[in-house]
């Protein structure tokens, strides 16, 4: 009996110790994710403001890394800031109001990704607002997070509800 109690006590102590040892690691992961979310939210705020001010150059040079790769539904692949700059100089792109809504984030060391809803309201009132789902890829370089790439898919508009059946006479 003494051996079983001794072993049980050892196991209980080991489990408690492991739990305590894991708490700082788990807390560090939570802190890293919170810091990452805060840093990329600041980048998203900057990008939203730059859209509002029709300032594509700020988006290209302060949001995206020099070796960025960007693509999306119906869009060609853009490699590097020079190619992306051409996109952000197009009036139909930069003349929009934008709101970025992050919904699923992951970070591991100096790399992370973030799924977001990218809401666009074009300045041209003839063009309806739309939303796309975008995946941003991030890398921390010299203490700053840079978007290394993104890929998006335009969300389908909500389906219209079928008209109520009218009785035939």
Protein backbone atom coordinates (compact mmCIF):
# COMPACT_ATOMS: atom_id res chain seq x y z
CA UNK A 1 0.00 0.00 0.00
CA UNK A 2 2.78 2.37 0.89
CA UNK A 3 4.29 1.99 -2.59
CA UNK A 4 0.98 2.77 -4.31
CA UNK A 5 0.39 5.84 -2.14
CA UNK A 6 3.96 6.93 -2.72
CA UNK A 7 3.59 6.47 -6.47
CA UNK A 8 0.20 8.25 -6.47
CA UNK A 9 1.70 11.12 -4.56
CA UNK A 10 4.60 11.26 -6.99
CA UNK A 11 2.25 11.30 -10.00
CA UNK A 12 0.06 13.99 -8.41
CA UNK A 13 3.12 16.10 -7.66
CA UNK A 14 4.51 15.59 -11.18
CA UNK A 15 1.18 16.52 -12.79
CA UNK A 16 0.88 19.63 -10.62
CA UNK A 17 4.46 20.60 -11.41
CA UNK A 18 3.94 20.12 -15.15
CA UNK A 19 0.79 22.18 -15.00
CA UNK A 20 2.67 25.00 -13.30
CA UNK A 21 5.54 24.69 -15.75
CA UNK A 22 3.16 24.93 -18.70
CA UNK A 23 1.32 27.98 -17.41
CA UNK A 24 4.11 30.46 -18.23
CA UNK A 25 4.45 28.97 -21.73
CA UNK A 26 0.69 29.23 -22.30
CA UNK A 27 0.69 32.76 -20.92
CA UNK A 28 3.59 33.68 -23.23
CA UNK A 29 1.62 32.34 -26.22
CA UNK A 30 -1.41 34.41 -25.22
CA UNK A 31 0.80 37.49 -24.75
CA UNK A 32 2.48 36.92 -28.14
CA UNK A 33 -0.89 36.57 -29.87
CA UNK A 34 -2.26 39.68 -28.14
CA UNK A 35 0.85 41.67 -29.13
CA UNK A 36 0.58 40.39 -32.71
CA UNK A 37 -3.11 41.30 -32.92
CA UNK A 38 -2.37 44.77 -31.57
CA UNK A 39 0.49 45.31 -34.05
CA UNK A 40 -1.46 44.20 -37.11
CA UNK A 41 -4.54 46.16 -35.98
CA UNK A 42 -2.32 49.26 -36.06
CA UNK A 43 -1.27 48.29 -39.61
CA UNK A 44 -4.93 47.79 -40.59
CA UNK A 45 -5.84 51.19 -39.09
CA UNK A 46 -3.02 52.78 -41.11
CA UNK A 47 -4.24 51.06 -44.29
CA UNK A 48 -7.85 52.16 -43.71
CA UNK A 49 -6.69 55.74 -43.14
CA UNK A 50 -4.52 55.65 -46.26
CA UNK A 51 -7.51 54.48 -48.32
CA UNK A 52 -9.60 57.30 -46.86
CA UNK A 53 -6.87 59.78 -47.83
CA UNK A 54 -6.39 58.13 -51.27
CA UNK A 55 -2.73 57.51 -50.36
CA UNK A 56 -1.68 54.30 -52.10
CA UNK A 57 2.01 54.99 -51.56
CA UNK A 58 1.63 54.70 -47.78
CA UNK A 59 -0.11 51.35 -48.21
CA UNK A 60 2.62 50.06 -50.52
CA UNK A 61 5.59 51.24 -48.39
CA UNK A 62 4.31 51.03 -44.81
CA UNK A 63 2.01 47.99 -44.90
CA UNK A 64 3.62 45.64 -47.42
CA UNK A 65 7.12 44.13 -47.31
CA UNK A 66 9.41 44.87 -50.27
CA UNK A 67 9.09 41.27 -51.52
CA UNK A 68 5.31 41.02 -51.08
CA UNK A 69 3.26 38.59 -53.15
CA UNK A 70 -0.40 39.49 -53.61
CA UNK A 71 -3.16 37.86 -55.59
CA UNK A 72 -6.86 37.36 -55.52
CA UNK A 73 -9.92 36.21 -57.35
CA UNK A 74 -9.82 37.63 -60.88
CA UNK A 75 -6.57 39.48 -60.21
CA UNK A 76 -3.09 38.75 -61.56
CA UNK A 77 -0.22 37.89 -59.27
CA UNK A 78 1.66 40.98 -58.04
CA UNK A 79 5.26 40.44 -56.90
CA UNK A 80 7.04 43.18 -55.04
CA UNK A 81 6.13 46.73 -54.17
CA UNK A 82 6.65 48.08 -57.70
CA UNK A 83 3.96 45.80 -59.14
CA UNK A 84 1.66 46.45 -56.19
CA UNK A 85 2.18 50.21 -56.52
CA UNK A 86 0.56 50.10 -59.97
CA UNK A 87 -2.54 48.50 -58.44
CA UNK A 88 -2.85 51.11 -55.68
CA UNK A 89 -2.52 53.94 -58.23
CA UNK A 90 -5.66 52.79 -60.04
CA UNK A 91 -8.62 55.08 -59.21
CA UNK A 92 -11.07 52.17 -59.01
CA UNK A 93 -8.87 50.65 -56.26
CA UNK A 94 -7.68 53.60 -54.17
CA UNK A 95 -10.90 55.65 -54.42
CA UNK A 96 -12.68 53.50 -51.85
CA UNK A 97 -13.43 53.46 -48.17
CA UNK A 98 -12.17 50.30 -46.50
CA UNK A 99 -12.80 48.55 -43.20
CA UNK A 100 -10.74 45.50 -42.20
CA UNK A 101 -12.30 43.10 -39.71
CA UNK A 102 -9.95 40.40 -38.43
CA UNK A 103 -11.65 37.13 -37.50
CA UNK A 104 -9.01 34.39 -37.12
CA UNK A 105 -5.39 35.01 -36.16
CA UNK A 106 -2.35 32.82 -35.60
CA UNK A 107 1.22 33.71 -34.68
CA UNK A 108 4.30 31.58 -34.08
CA UNK A 109 7.48 33.49 -33.36
CA UNK A 110 8.22 35.95 -36.15
CA UNK A 111 5.55 34.63 -38.53
CA UNK A 112 1.80 34.86 -38.44
CA UNK A 113 -1.34 34.95 -40.51
CA UNK A 114 -4.68 36.61 -40.19
CA UNK A 115 -8.02 35.93 -41.86
CA UNK A 116 -10.10 39.07 -42.26
CA UNK A 117 -13.21 40.48 -43.87
CA UNK A 118 -12.23 43.37 -46.13
CA UNK A 119 -15.24 45.66 -46.57
CA UNK A 120 -15.06 48.04 -49.54
CA UNK A 121 -17.30 51.01 -50.28
CA UNK A 122 -16.32 52.45 -53.67
CA UNK A 123 -16.43 56.23 -54.13
CA UNK A 124 -18.44 55.59 -57.30
CA UNK A 125 -22.01 55.31 -56.00
CA UNK A 126 -22.95 53.29 -59.06
CA UNK A 127 -20.79 50.46 -57.72
CA UNK A 128 -22.31 48.55 -54.81
CA UNK A 129 -20.25 48.01 -51.65
CA UNK A 130 -18.72 44.55 -51.42
CA UNK A 131 -16.70 42.38 -49.08
CA UNK A 132 -13.98 39.88 -49.65
CA UNK A 133 -12.33 37.37 -47.38
CA UNK A 134 -8.59 37.89 -47.28
CA UNK A 135 -5.67 36.00 -45.80
CA UNK A 136 -2.79 38.25 -44.76
CA UNK A 137 0.64 36.63 -44.25
CA UNK A 138 2.91 38.43 -41.78
CA UNK A 139 6.59 38.39 -40.84
CA UNK A 140 8.28 40.30 -38.05
CA UNK A 141 11.47 41.94 -39.32
CA UNK A 142 13.67 44.01 -37.00
CA UNK A 143 10.81 44.27 -34.50
CA UNK A 144 8.13 45.38 -37.00
CA UNK A 145 5.38 43.31 -38.58
CA UNK A 146 5.19 43.46 -42.39
CA UNK A 147 2.61 41.96 -44.70
CA UNK A 148 4.56 39.49 -46.86
CA UNK A 149 1.56 38.40 -48.87
CA UNK A 150 -2.18 38.31 -49.22
CA UNK A 151 -4.79 36.38 -51.11
CA UNK A 152 -8.49 37.13 -51.34
CA UNK A 153 -11.80 35.80 -52.59
CA UNK A 154 -14.80 38.06 -53.17
CA UNK A 155 -17.71 37.01 -50.97
CA UNK A 156 -20.86 36.07 -52.84
CA UNK A 157 -23.69 38.54 -52.28
CA UNK A 158 -26.48 37.17 -50.12
CA UNK A 159 -28.98 35.20 -52.13
CA UNK A 160 -32.28 36.93 -52.68
CA UNK A 161 -35.14 35.24 -50.92
CA UNK A 162 -37.49 33.55 -53.36
CA UNK A 163 -40.65 35.49 -54.03
CA UNK A 164 -43.70 34.16 -52.28
CA UNK A 165 -45.72 31.88 -54.48
CA UNK A 166 -48.80 33.54 -55.84
CA UNK A 167 -51.88 31.40 -56.22
CA UNK A 168 -52.92 30.79 -59.78
CA UNK A 169 -56.52 31.28 -60.73
